[in-house]
C-alpha cells in the first residue's frame, strides 16, 4: 500500500479506538457518538497529512514530527471547543492520545508504505 493509504488507515483506525476509549469516562456517555465520529475524523486528517509528508520525503523524523504536530493541533482544538457541563476542558485526556496517534501514523506511513511509482 502507498504511504498515504497507510497513513489514512492507521489514523482512522486509531482515531476510532481513541473515540471508543471515551466510554471509560461516565461523564461523556451522552455524547459518545459525537466523540467517536470526531476522533475518527481527527485521526483520518492526521494520518492523511502524516502520509503526505512521508510520501514527499524519506525522513522518519519529519514524518513522525508532522504527525505529532497535526495530532496535537487537532486535539487541542477539540479540547478547547468541547468543555463539559461544569466548564472544564480535558486537555490531557484528549491531547495525549492525539499526539501518540499522530506519531504512530507518521511512523507507520514511513516504515510500511511504499514509494509512489516514478
PDB file of N, CA and C in Angstrom:
ATOM      1  N   UNK A   1       0.833  -1.179   0.000  1.00  0.00           N
ATOM      2  CA  UNK A   1       0.000   0.000   0.000  1.00  0.00           C
ATOM      3  C   UNK A   1       0.880   1.245   0.000  1.00  0.00           C
ATOM      4  N   UNK A   2       0.327   2.313  -0.489  1.00  0.00           N
ATOM      5  CA  UNK A   2       1.094   3.554  -0.540  1.00  0.00           C
ATOM      6  C   UNK A   2       1.203   4.172   0.860  1.00  0.00           C
ATOM      7  N   UNK A   3       2.139   5.077   0.999  1.00  0.00           N
ATOM      8  CA  UNK A   3       2.353   5.744   2.281  1.00  0.00           C
ATOM      9  C   UNK A   3       1.123   6.549   2.690  1.00  0.00           C
ATOM     10  N   UNK A   4       0.487   7.153   1.726  1.00  0.00           N
ATOM     11  CA  UNK A   4      -0.711   7.935   2.012  1.00  0.00           C
ATOM     12  C   UNK A   4      -1.850   7.037   2.508  1.00  0.00           C
ATOM     13  N   UNK A   5      -2.043   5.901   1.872  1.00  0.00           N
ATOM     14  CA  UNK A   5      -3.096   4.964   2.270  1.00  0.00           C
ATOM     15  C   UNK A   5      -2.839   4.404   3.659  1.00  0.00           C
ATOM     16  N   UNK A   6      -1.591   4.061   3.934  1.00  0.00           N
ATOM     17  CA  UNK A   6      -1.239   3.556   5.266  1.00  0.00           C
ATOM     18  C   UNK A   6      -1.545   4.626   6.313  1.00  0.00           C
ATOM     19  N   UNK A   7      -1.163   5.865   6.047  1.00  0.00           N
ATOM     20  CA  UNK A   7      -1.438   6.949   6.989  1.00  0.00           C
ATOM     21  C   UNK A   7      -2.924   7.127   7.232  1.00  0.00           C
ATOM     22  N   UNK A   8      -3.713   7.091   6.166  1.00  0.00           N
ATOM     23  CA  UNK A   8      -5.163   7.239   6.304  1.00  0.00           C
ATOM     24  C   UNK A   8      -5.759   6.114   7.134  1.00  0.00           C
ATOM     25  N   UNK A   9      -5.394   4.875   6.819  1.00  0.00           N
ATOM     26  CA  UNK A   9      -5.950   3.728   7.539  1.00  0.00           C
ATOM     27  C   UNK A   9      -5.534   3.708   9.006  1.00  0.00           C
ATOM     28  N   UNK A  10      -4.258   3.886   9.250  1.00  0.00           N
ATOM     29  CA  UNK A  10      -3.769   3.863  10.636  1.00  0.00           C
ATOM     30  C   UNK A  10      -4.398   5.006  11.430  1.00  0.00           C
ATOM     31  N   UNK A  11      -4.439   6.193  10.844  1.00  0.00           N
ATOM     32  CA  UNK A  11      -5.032   7.338  11.537  1.00  0.00           C
ATOM     33  C   UNK A  11      -6.501   7.137  11.846  1.00  0.00           C
ATOM     34  N   UNK A  12      -7.262   6.651  10.874  1.00  0.00           N
ATOM     35  CA  UNK A  12      -8.693   6.451  11.089  1.00  0.00           C
ATOM     36  C   UNK A  12      -8.964   5.349  12.109  1.00  0.00           C
ATOM     37  N   UNK A  13      -8.229   4.250  12.037  1.00  0.00           N
ATOM     38  CA  UNK A  13      -8.436   3.152  12.988  1.00  0.00           C
ATOM     39  C   UNK A  13      -8.070   3.581  14.399  1.00  0.00           C
ATOM     40  N   UNK A  14      -6.918   4.236  14.552  1.00  0.00           N
ATOM     41  CA  UNK A  14      -6.523   4.695  15.888  1.00  0.00           C
ATOM     42  C   UNK A  14      -7.451   5.786  16.398  1.00  0.00           C
ATOM     43  N   UNK A  15      -7.945   6.646  15.505  1.00  0.00           N
ATOM     44  CA  UNK A  15      -8.907   7.665  15.911  1.00  0.00           C
ATOM     45  C   UNK A  15     -10.199   7.044  16.414  1.00  0.00           C
ATOM     46  N   UNK A  16     -10.667   6.019  15.722  1.00  0.00           N
ATOM     47  CA  UNK A  16     -11.864   5.310  16.160  1.00  0.00           C
ATOM     48  C   UNK A  16     -11.649   4.684  17.537  1.00  0.00           C
ATOM     49  N   UNK A  17     -10.514   4.029  17.724  1.00  0.00           N
ATOM     50  CA  UNK A  17     -10.216   3.410  19.019  1.00  0.00           C
ATOM     51  C   UNK A  17     -10.089   4.457  20.120  1.00  0.00           C
ATOM     52  N   UNK A  18      -9.519   5.599  19.782  1.00  0.00           N
ATOM     53  CA  UNK A  18      -9.416   6.703  20.731  1.00  0.00           C
ATOM     54  C   UNK A  18     -10.811   7.174  21.140  1.00  0.00           C
ATOM     55  N   UNK A  19     -11.704   7.305  20.183  1.00  0.00           N
ATOM     56  CA  UNK A  19     -13.065   7.733  20.500  1.00  0.00           C
ATOM     57  C   UNK A  19     -13.812   6.713  21.341  1.00  0.00           C
ATOM     58  N   UNK A  20     -13.664   5.444  21.002  1.00  0.00           N
ATOM     59  CA  UNK A  20     -14.327   4.382  21.767  1.00  0.00           C
ATOM     60  C   UNK A  20     -13.807   4.339  23.198  1.00  0.00           C
ATOM     61  N   UNK A  21     -12.541   4.684  23.393  1.00  0.00           N
ATOM     62  CA  UNK A  21     -11.979   4.649  24.746  1.00  0.00           C
ATOM     63  C   UNK A  21     -12.633   5.678  25.666  1.00  0.00           C
ATOM     64  N   UNK A  22     -13.350   6.640  25.105  1.00  0.00           N
ATOM     65  CA  UNK A  22     -14.063   7.615  25.933  1.00  0.00           C
ATOM     66  C   UNK A  22     -15.197   6.960  26.709  1.00  0.00           C
ATOM     67  N   UNK A  23     -15.586   5.756  26.334  1.00  0.00           N
ATOM     68  CA  UNK A  23     -16.609   5.039  27.101  1.00  0.00           C
ATOM     69  C   UNK A  23     -16.157   4.757  28.535  1.00  0.00           C
ATOM     70  N   UNK A  24     -14.856   4.807  28.772  1.00  0.00           N
ATOM     71  CA  UNK A  24     -14.339   4.579  30.116  1.00  0.00           C
ATOM     72  C   UNK A  24     -14.672   5.728  31.067  1.00  0.00           C
ATOM     73  N   UNK A  25     -15.051   6.872  30.514  1.00  0.00           N
ATOM     74  CA  UNK A  25     -15.411   8.029  31.331  1.00  0.00           C
ATOM     75  C   UNK A  25     -16.931   8.191  31.341  1.00  0.00           C
ATOM     76  N   UNK A  26     -17.568   7.986  32.484  1.00  0.00           N
ATOM     77  CA  UNK A  26     -19.028   8.080  32.527  1.00  0.00           C
ATOM     78  C   UNK A  26     -19.557   9.492  32.249  1.00  0.00           C
ATOM     79  N   UNK A  27     -18.712  10.495  32.372  1.00  0.00           N
ATOM     80  CA  UNK A  27     -19.163  11.873  32.180  1.00  0.00           C
ATOM     81  C   UNK A  27     -19.531  12.185  30.735  1.00  0.00           C
ATOM     82  N   UNK A  28     -19.060  11.392  29.791  1.00  0.00           N
ATOM     83  CA  UNK A  28     -19.285  11.713  28.378  1.00  0.00           C
ATOM     84  C   UNK A  28     -20.184  10.712  27.663  1.00  0.00           C
ATOM     85  N   UNK A  29     -20.875   9.877  28.394  1.00  0.00           N
ATOM     86  CA  UNK A  29     -21.715   8.863  27.755  1.00  0.00           C
ATOM     87  C   UNK A  29     -22.816   9.472  26.895  1.00  0.00           C
ATOM     88  N   UNK A  30     -23.281  10.669  27.235  1.00  0.00           N
ATOM     89  CA  UNK A  30     -24.364  11.268  26.454  1.00  0.00           C
ATOM     90  C   UNK A  30     -23.906  11.814  25.104  1.00  0.00           C
ATOM     91  N   UNK A  31     -22.608  11.971  24.894  1.00  0.00           N
ATOM     92  CA  UNK A  31     -22.111  12.483  23.609  1.00  0.00           C
ATOM     93  C   UNK A  31     -21.102  11.535  22.970  1.00  0.00           C
ATOM     94  N   UNK A  32     -21.184  10.256  23.289  1.00  0.00           N
ATOM     95  CA  UNK A  32     -20.182   9.294  22.815  1.00  0.00           C
ATOM     96  C   UNK A  32     -20.163   9.175  21.296  1.00  0.00           C
ATOM     97  N   UNK A  33     -21.318   9.266  20.650  1.00  0.00           N
ATOM     98  CA  UNK A  33     -21.354   9.151  19.183  1.00  0.00           C
ATOM     99  C   UNK A  33     -20.584  10.316  18.558  1.00  0.00           C
ATOM    100  N   UNK A  34     -20.788  11.515  19.066  1.00  0.00           N
ATOM    101  CA  UNK A  34     -20.050  12.676  18.571  1.00  0.00           C
ATOM    102  C   UNK A  34     -18.552  12.495  18.784  1.00  0.00           C
ATOM    103  N   UNK A  35     -18.166  11.999  19.945  1.00  0.00           N
ATOM    104  CA  UNK A  35     -16.746  11.812  20.253  1.00  0.00           C
ATOM    105  C   UNK A  35     -16.112  10.804  19.306  1.00  0.00           C
ATOM    106  N   UNK A  36     -16.787   9.694  19.052  1.00  0.00           N
ATOM    107  CA  UNK A  36     -16.238   8.662  18.163  1.00  0.00           C
ATOM    108  C   UNK A  36     -16.090   9.204  16.740  1.00  0.00           C
ATOM    109  N   UNK A  37     -17.103   9.904  16.244  1.00  0.00           N
ATOM    110  CA  UNK A  37     -17.036  10.461  14.885  1.00  0.00           C
ATOM    111  C   UNK A  37     -15.941  11.511  14.789  1.00  0.00           C
ATOM    112  N   UNK A  38     -15.880  12.417  15.763  1.00  0.00           N
ATOM    113  CA  UNK A  38     -14.870  13.472  15.742  1.00  0.00           C
ATOM    114  C   UNK A  38     -13.460  12.903  15.866  1.00  0.00           C
ATOM    115  N   UNK A  39     -13.276  11.907  16.706  1.00  0.00           N
ATOM    116  CA  UNK A  39     -11.949  11.296  16.866  1.00  0.00           C
ATOM    117  C   UNK A  39     -11.522  10.558  15.609  1.00  0.00           C
ATOM    118  N   UNK A  40     -12.466   9.905  14.948  1.00  0.00           N
ATOM    119  CA  UNK A  40     -12.137   9.213  13.703  1.00  0.00           C
ATOM    120  C   UNK A  40     -11.733  10.206  12.620  1.00  0.00           C
ATOM    121  N   UNK A  41     -12.461  11.304  12.512  1.00  0.00           N
ATOM    122  CA  UNK A  41     -12.112  12.338  11.528  1.00  0.00           C
ATOM    123  C   UNK A  41     -10.770  12.963  11.869  1.00  0.00           C
ATOM    124  N   UNK A  42     -10.548  13.234  13.141  1.00  0.00           N
ATOM    125  CA  UNK A  42      -9.270  13.797  13.589  1.00  0.00           C
ATOM    126  C   UNK A  42      -8.117  12.856  13.241  1.00  0.00           C
ATOM    127  N   UNK A  43      -8.288  11.577  13.467  1.00  0.00           N
ATOM    128  CA  UNK A  43      -7.261  10.593  13.120  1.00  0.00           C
ATOM    129  C   UNK A  43      -7.063  10.478  11.624  1.00  0.00           C
ATOM    130  N   UNK A  44      -8.154  10.539  10.871  1.00  0.00           N
ATOM    131  CA  UNK A  44      -8.100  10.482   9.413  1.00  0.00           C
ATOM    132  C   UNK A  44      -7.278  11.644   8.856  1.00  0.00           C
ATOM    133  N   UNK A  45      -7.557  12.849   9.325  1.00  0.00           N
ATOM    134  CA  UNK A  45      -6.830  14.034   8.845  1.00  0.00           C
ATOM    135  C   UNK A  45      -5.365  13.973   9.267  1.00  0.00           C
ATOM    136  N   UNK A  46      -5.117  13.561  10.492  1.00  0.00           N
ATOM    137  CA  UNK A  46      -3.735  13.432  10.961  1.00  0.00           C
ATOM    138  C   UNK A  46      -2.970  12.411  10.124  1.00  0.00           C
ATOM    139  N   UNK A  47      -3.571  11.265   9.880  1.00  0.00           N
ATOM    140  CA  UNK A  47      -2.933  10.237   9.056  1.00  0.00           C
ATOM    141  C   UNK A  47      -2.727  10.695   7.627  1.00  0.00           C
ATOM    142  N   UNK A  48      -3.682  11.448   7.104  1.00  0.00           N
ATOM    143  CA  UNK A  48      -3.565  11.974   5.739  1.00  0.00           C
ATOM    144  C   UNK A  48      -2.353  12.883   5.613  1.00  0.00           C
ATOM    145  N   UNK A  49      -2.216  13.823   6.536  1.00  0.00           N
ATOM    146  CA  UNK A  49      -1.088  14.757   6.459  1.00  0.00           C
ATOM    147  C   UNK A  49       0.244  14.073   6.761  1.00  0.00           C
ATOM    148  N   UNK A  50       0.263  13.158   7.721  1.00  0.00           N
ATOM    149  CA  UNK A  50       1.499  12.421   8.010  1.00  0.00           C
ATOM    150  C   UNK A  50       1.889  11.555   6.821  1.00  0.00           C
ATOM    151  N   UNK A  51       0.926  10.911   6.181  1.00  0.00           N
ATOM    152  CA  UNK A  51       1.196  10.100   4.994  1.00  0.00           C
ATOM    153  C   UNK A  51       1.665  10.933   3.820  1.00  0.00           C
ATOM    154  N   UNK A  52       1.112  12.131   3.694  1.00  0.00           N
ATOM    155  CA  UNK A  52       1.534  13.025   2.625  1.00  0.00           C
ATOM    156  C   UNK A  52       2.994  13.430   2.796  1.00  0.00           C
ATOM    157  N   UNK A  53       3.363  13.780   4.020  1.00  0.00           N
ATOM    158  CA  UNK A  53       4.760  14.151   4.285  1.00  0.00           C
ATOM    159  C   UNK A  53       5.666  12.941   4.089  1.00  0.00           C
ATOM    160  N   UNK A  54       5.235  11.770   4.520  1.00  0.00           N
ATOM    161  CA  UNK A  54       6.041  10.561   4.341  1.00  0.00           C
ATOM    162  C   UNK A  54       6.229  10.252   2.865  1.00  0.00           C
ATOM    163  N   UNK A  55       5.217  10.536   2.066  1.00  0.00           N
ATOM    164  CA  UNK A  55       5.322  10.278   0.626  1.00  0.00           C
ATOM    165  C   UNK A  55       6.286  11.250  -0.042  1.00  0.00           C
ATOM    166  N   UNK A  56       6.322  12.479   0.432  1.00  0.00           N
ATOM    167  CA  UNK A  56       7.171  13.502  -0.176  1.00  0.00           C
ATOM    168  C   UNK A  56       8.632  13.398   0.249  1.00  0.00           C
ATOM    169  N   UNK A  57       8.888  12.831   1.414  1.00  0.00           N
ATOM    170  CA  UNK A  57      10.263  12.731   1.919  1.00  0.00           C
ATOM    171  C   UNK A  57      10.531  11.297   2.370  1.00  0.00           C
ATOM    172  N   UNK A  58      11.782  10.993   2.603  1.00  0.00           N
ATOM    173  CA  UNK A  58      12.159   9.701   3.176  1.00  0.00           C
ATOM    174  C   UNK A  58      12.688   9.891   4.595  1.00  0.00           C
ATOM    175  N   UNK A  59      12.270  10.950   5.251  1.00  0.00           N
ATOM    176  CA  UNK A  59      12.768  11.314   6.563  1.00  0.00           C
ATOM    177  C   UNK A  59      11.795  10.822   7.642  1.00  0.00           C
ATOM    178  N   UNK A  60      12.239   9.843   8.451  1.00  0.00           N
ATOM    179  CA  UNK A  60      11.395   9.313   9.518  1.00  0.00           C
ATOM    180  C   UNK A  60      11.025  10.393  10.522  1.00  0.00           C
ATOM    181  N   UNK A  61      12.006  11.165  10.935  1.00  0.00           N
ATOM    182  CA  UNK A  61      11.778  12.180  11.963  1.00  0.00           C
ATOM    183  C   UNK A  61      10.756  13.208  11.486  1.00  0.00           C
ATOM    184  N   UNK A  62      10.855  13.635  10.254  1.00  0.00           N
ATOM    185  CA  UNK A  62       9.922  14.626   9.737  1.00  0.00           C
ATOM    186  C   UNK A  62       8.497  14.078   9.681  1.00  0.00           C
ATOM    187  N   UNK A  63       8.337  12.843   9.277  1.00  0.00           N
ATOM    188  CA  UNK A  63       7.003  12.233   9.229  1.00  0.00           C
ATOM    189  C   UNK A  63       6.417  12.089  10.634  1.00  0.00           C
ATOM    190  N   UNK A  64       7.232  11.674  11.583  1.00  0.00           N
ATOM    191  CA  UNK A  64       6.760  11.499  12.955  1.00  0.00           C
ATOM    192  C   UNK A  64       6.432  12.846  13.587  1.00  0.00           C
ATOM    193  N   UNK A  65       7.301  13.837  13.398  1.00  0.00           N
ATOM    194  CA  UNK A  65       7.053  15.171  13.966  1.00  0.00           C
ATOM    195  C   UNK A  65       5.833  15.819  13.317  1.00  0.00           C
ATOM    196  N   UNK A  66       5.636  15.607  12.039  1.00  0.00           N
ATOM    197  CA  UNK A  66       4.439  16.138  11.383  1.00  0.00           C
ATOM    198  C   UNK A  66       3.186  15.506  11.969  1.00  0.00           C
ATOM    199  N   UNK A  67       3.188  14.195  12.124  1.00  0.00           N
ATOM    200  CA  UNK A  67       2.053  13.518  12.750  1.00  0.00           C
ATOM    201  C   UNK A  67       1.808  14.019  14.163  1.00  0.00           C
ATOM    202  N   UNK A  68       2.880  14.193  14.920  1.00  0.00           N
ATOM    203  CA  UNK A  68       2.773  14.708  16.279  1.00  0.00           C
ATOM    204  C   UNK A  68       2.165  16.101  16.296  1.00  0.00           C
ATOM    205  N   UNK A  69       2.678  16.986  15.449  1.00  0.00           N
ATOM    206  CA  UNK A  69       2.195  18.371  15.417  1.00  0.00           C
ATOM    207  C   UNK A  69       0.734  18.459  14.988  1.00  0.00           C
ATOM    208  N   UNK A  70       0.375  17.730  13.952  1.00  0.00           N
ATOM    209  CA  UNK A  70      -1.016  17.765  13.478  1.00  0.00           C
ATOM    210  C   UNK A  70      -1.937  17.145  14.517  1.00  0.00           C
ATOM    211  N   UNK A  71      -1.528  16.016  15.099  1.00  0.00           N
ATOM    212  CA  UNK A  71      -2.326  15.383  16.136  1.00  0.00           C
ATOM    213  C   UNK A  71      -2.533  16.286  17.341  1.00  0.00           C
ATOM    214  N   UNK A  72      -1.472  16.978  17.759  1.00  0.00           N
ATOM    215  CA  UNK A  72      -1.594  17.906  18.875  1.00  0.00           C
ATOM    216  C   UNK A  72      -2.487  19.091  18.534  1.00  0.00           C
ATOM    217  N   UNK A  73      -2.324  19.639  17.342  1.00  0.00           N
ATOM    218  CA  UNK A  73      -3.123  20.810  16.949  1.00  0.00           C
ATOM    219  C   UNK A  73      -4.612  20.466  16.879  1.00  0.00           C
ATOM    220  N   UNK A  74      -4.940  19.364  16.234  1.00  0.00           N
ATOM    221  CA  UNK A  74      -6.346  18.984  16.129  1.00  0.00           C
ATOM    222  C   UNK A  74      -6.921  18.582  17.493  1.00  0.00           C
ATOM    223  N   UNK A  75      -6.125  17.942  18.309  1.00  0.00           N
ATOM    224  CA  UNK A  75      -6.582  17.564  19.638  1.00  0.00           C
ATOM    225  C   UNK A  75      -6.763  18.785  20.531  1.00  0.00           C
ATOM    226  N   UNK A  76      -5.877  19.757  20.389  1.00  0.00           N
ATOM    227  CA  UNK A  76      -6.029  20.994  21.152  1.00  0.00           C
ATOM    228  C   UNK A  76      -7.322  21.697  20.769  1.00  0.00           C
ATOM    229  N   UNK A  77      -7.605  21.754  19.477  1.00  0.00           N
ATOM    230  CA  UNK A  77      -8.855  22.375  19.027  1.00  0.00           C
ATOM    231  C   UNK A  77     -10.061  21.617  19.590  1.00  0.00           C
ATOM    232  N   UNK A  78      -9.998  20.309  19.603  1.00  0.00           N
ATOM    233  CA  UNK A  78     -11.096  19.523  20.161  1.00  0.00           C
ATOM    234  C   UNK A  78     -11.253  19.785  21.652  1.00  0.00           C
ATOM    235  N   UNK A  79     -10.153  19.901  22.371  1.00  0.00           N
ATOM    236  CA  UNK A  79     -10.220  20.134  23.810  1.00  0.00           C
ATOM    237  C   UNK A  79     -10.743  21.532  24.132  1.00  0.00           C
ATOM    238  N   UNK A  80     -10.366  22.502  23.339  1.00  0.00           N
ATOM    239  CA  UNK A  80     -10.811  23.877  23.585  1.00  0.00           C
ATOM    240  C   UNK A  80     -12.310  24.024  23.352  1.00  0.00           C
ATOM    241  N   UNK A  81     -12.807  23.407  22.296  1.00  0.00           N
ATOM    242  CA  UNK A  81     -14.191  23.617  21.905  1.00  0.00           C
ATOM    243  C   UNK A  81     -15.176  22.629  22.518  1.00  0.00           C
ATOM    244  N   UNK A  82     -14.727  21.730  23.377  1.00  0.00           N
ATOM    245  CA  UNK A  82     -15.650  20.766  23.979  1.00  0.00           C
ATOM    246  C   UNK A  82     -15.491  20.698  25.498  1.00  0.00           C
ATOM    247  N   UNK A  83     -15.896  21.763  26.201  1.00  0.00           N
ATOM    248  CA  UNK A  83     -15.879  21.676  27.667  1.00  0.00           C
ATOM    249  C   UNK A  83     -17.051  20.825  28.162  1.00  0.00           C
ATOM    250  N   UNK A  84     -16.912  20.307  29.373  1.00  0.00           N
ATOM    251  CA  UNK A  84     -18.028  19.540  29.932  1.00  0.00           C
ATOM    252  C   UNK A  84     -19.056  20.501  30.534  1.00  0.00           C
ATOM    253  N   UNK A  85     -20.065  19.962  31.175  1.00  0.00           N
ATOM    254  CA  UNK A  85     -21.147  20.799  31.696  1.00  0.00           C
ATOM    255  C   UNK A  85     -20.686  21.751  32.794  1.00  0.00           C
ATOM    256  N   UNK A  86     -19.580  21.443  33.459  1.00  0.00           N
ATOM    257  CA  UNK A  86     -19.042  22.313  34.503  1.00  0.00           C
ATOM    258  C   UNK A  86     -18.031  23.309  33.946  1.00  0.00           C
ATOM    259  N   UNK A  87     -17.782  23.280  32.642  1.00  0.00           N
ATOM    260  CA  UNK A  87     -16.852  24.216  32.025  1.00  0.00           C
ATOM    261  C   UNK A  87     -15.407  23.769  32.017  1.00  0.00           C
ATOM    262  N   UNK A  88     -15.144  22.539  32.458  1.00  0.00           N
ATOM    263  CA  UNK A  88     -13.764  22.036  32.457  1.00  0.00           C
ATOM    264  C   UNK A  88     -13.394  21.529  31.068  1.00  0.00           C
ATOM    265  N   UNK A  89     -12.130  21.688  30.743  1.00  0.00           N
ATOM    266  CA  UNK A  89     -11.611  21.179  29.473  1.00  0.00           C
ATOM    267  C   UNK A  89     -10.711  19.986  29.771  1.00  0.00           C
ATOM    268  N   UNK A  90     -10.748  19.002  28.904  1.00  0.00           N
ATOM    269  CA  UNK A  90      -9.978  17.771  29.089  1.00  0.00           C
ATOM    270  C   UNK A  90      -8.745  17.770  28.177  1.00  0.00           C
ATOM    271  N   UNK A  91      -7.815  18.681  28.448  1.00  0.00           N
ATOM    272  CA  UNK A  91      -6.635  18.792  27.594  1.00  0.00           C
ATOM    273  C   UNK A  91      -5.796  17.515  27.624  1.00  0.00           C
ATOM    274  N   UNK A  92      -5.447  17.057  28.800  1.00  0.00           N
ATOM    275  CA  UNK A  92      -4.581  15.895  28.950  1.00  0.00           C
ATOM    276  C   UNK A  92      -5.211  14.656  28.319  1.00  0.00           C
ATOM    277  N   UNK A  93      -6.489  14.444  28.576  1.00  0.00           N
ATOM    278  CA  UNK A  93      -7.190  13.250  28.111  1.00  0.00           C
ATOM    279  C   UNK A  93      -7.408  13.240  26.598  1.00  0.00           C
ATOM    280  N   UNK A  94      -7.413  14.409  25.983  1.00  0.00           N
ATOM    281  CA  UNK A  94      -7.640  14.498  24.543  1.00  0.00           C
ATOM    282  C   UNK A  94      -6.335  14.647  23.770  1.00  0.00           C
ATOM    283  N   UNK A  95      -5.428  15.464  24.285  1.00  0.00           N
ATOM    284  CA  UNK A  95      -4.211  15.773  23.532  1.00  0.00           C
ATOM    285  C   UNK A  95      -3.174  14.658  23.560  1.00  0.00           C
ATOM    286  N   UNK A  96      -3.055  13.938  24.652  1.00  0.00           N
ATOM    287  CA  UNK A  96      -2.059  12.865  24.719  1.00  0.00           C
ATOM    288  C   UNK A  96      -2.352  11.755  23.704  1.00  0.00           C
ATOM    289  N   UNK A  97      -3.583  11.221  23.649  1.00  0.00           N
ATOM    290  CA  UNK A  97      -3.845  10.202  22.617  1.00  0.00           C
ATOM    291  C   UNK A  97      -3.718  10.749  21.199  1.00  0.00           C
ATOM    292  N   UNK A  98      -4.085  12.018  21.000  1.00  0.00           N
ATOM    293  CA  UNK A  98      -3.941  12.619  19.667  1.00  0.00           C
ATOM    294  C   UNK A  98      -2.489  12.716  19.235  1.00  0.00           C
ATOM    295  N   UNK A  99      -1.609  13.047  20.174  1.00  0.00           N
ATOM    296  CA  UNK A  99      -0.183  13.131  19.864  1.00  0.00           C
ATOM    297  C   UNK A  99       0.390  11.753  19.550  1.00  0.00           C
ATOM    298  N   UNK A 100       0.027  10.759  20.346  1.00  0.00           N
ATOM    299  CA  UNK A 100       0.517   9.401  20.119  1.00  0.00           C
ATOM    300  C   UNK A 100      -0.010   8.870  18.785  1.00  0.00           C
ATOM    301  N   UNK A 101      -1.284   9.118  18.504  1.00  0.00           N
ATOM    302  CA  UNK A 101      -1.879   8.715  17.228  1.00  0.00           C
ATOM    303  C   UNK A 101      -1.089   9.301  16.064  1.00  0.00           C
ATOM    304  N   UNK A 102      -0.767  10.583  16.136  1.00  0.00           N
ATOM    305  CA  UNK A 102      -0.022  11.234  15.059  1.00  0.00           C
ATOM    306  C   UNK A 102       1.361  10.646  14.864  1.00  0.00           C
ATOM    307  N   UNK A 103       2.042  10.354  15.971  1.00  0.00           N
ATOM    308  CA  UNK A 103       3.380   9.773  15.859  1.00  0.00           C
ATOM    309  C   UNK A 103       3.319   8.372  15.259  1.00  0.00           C
ATOM    310  N   UNK A 104       2.345   7.587  15.661  1.00  0.00           N
ATOM    311  CA  UNK A 104       2.216   6.233  15.108  1.00  0.00           C
ATOM    312  C   UNK A 104       1.848   6.290  13.630  1.00  0.00           C
ATOM    313  N   UNK A 105       0.959   7.208  13.261  1.00  0.00           N
ATOM    314  CA  UNK A 105       0.573   7.339  11.851  1.00  0.00           C
ATOM    315  C   UNK A 105       1.768   7.770  11.002  1.00  0.00           C
ATOM    316  N   UNK A 106       2.570   8.713  11.495  1.00  0.00           N
ATOM    317  CA  UNK A 106       3.756   9.141  10.765  1.00  0.00           C
ATOM    318  C   UNK A 106       4.776   8.031  10.621  1.00  0.00           C
ATOM    319  N   UNK A 107       5.018   7.315  11.716  1.00  0.00           N
ATOM    320  CA  UNK A 107       5.967   6.204  11.673  1.00  0.00           C
ATOM    321  C   UNK A 107       5.489   5.108  10.721  1.00  0.00           C
ATOM    322  N   UNK A 108       4.228   4.724  10.856  1.00  0.00           N
ATOM    323  CA  UNK A 108       3.687   3.638  10.031  1.00  0.00           C
ATOM    324  C   UNK A 108       3.718   3.996   8.552  1.00  0.00           C
ATOM    325  N   UNK A 109       3.392   5.233   8.250  1.00  0.00           N
ATOM    326  CA  UNK A 109       3.413   5.663   6.846  1.00  0.00           C
ATOM    327  C   UNK A 109       4.808   5.538   6.260  1.00  0.00           C
ATOM    328  N   UNK A 110       5.781   5.993   7.007  1.00  0.00           N
ATOM    329  CA  UNK A 110       7.149   5.983   6.506  1.00  0.00           C
ATOM    330  C   UNK A 110       7.729   4.568   6.486  1.00  0.00           C
ATOM    331  N   UNK A 111       7.431   3.777   7.488  1.00  0.00           N
ATOM    332  CA  UNK A 111       8.035   2.451   7.630  1.00  0.00           C
ATOM    333  C   UNK A 111       7.409   1.410   6.694  1.00  0.00           C
ATOM    334  N   UNK A 112       6.076   1.404   6.620  1.00  0.00           N
ATOM    335  CA  UNK A 112       5.384   0.325   5.926  1.00  0.00           C
ATOM    336  C   UNK A 112       4.828   0.705   4.561  1.00  0.00           C
ATOM    337  N   UNK A 113       4.744   1.988   4.280  1.00  0.00           N
ATOM    338  CA  UNK A 113       4.221   2.401   2.973  1.00  0.00           C
ATOM    339  C   UNK A 113       5.267   2.299   1.881  1.00  0.00           C
ATOM    340  N   UNK A 114       4.809   2.137   0.660  1.00  0.00           N
ATOM    341  CA  UNK A 114       5.760   2.076  -0.451  1.00  0.00           C
ATOM    342  C   UNK A 114       5.771   3.416  -1.158  1.00  0.00           C
ATOM    343  N   UNK A 115       6.877   3.680  -1.790  1.00  0.00           N
ATOM    344  CA  UNK A 115       7.037   4.928  -2.538  1.00  0.00           C
ATOM    345  C   UNK A 115       6.164   4.900  -3.776  1.00  0.00           C
ATOM    346  N   UNK A 116       5.705   6.085  -4.217  1.00  0.00           N
ATOM    347  CA  UNK A 116       4.937   6.108  -5.469  1.00  0.00           C
ATOM    348  C   UNK A 116       5.826   5.768  -6.663  1.00  0.00           C
ATOM    349  N   UNK A 117       5.234   5.190  -7.673  1.00  0.00           N
ATOM    350  CA  UNK A 117       5.987   4.823  -8.877  1.00  0.00           C
ATOM    351  C   UNK A 117       6.504   6.066  -9.574  1.00  0.00           C
ATOM    352  N   UNK A 118       7.699   5.988 -10.077  1.00  0.00           N
ATOM    353  CA  UNK A 118       8.314   7.143 -10.732  1.00  0.00           C
ATOM    354  C   UNK A 118       7.791   7.328 -12.136  1.00  0.00           C
TER     355      UNK A 118
END
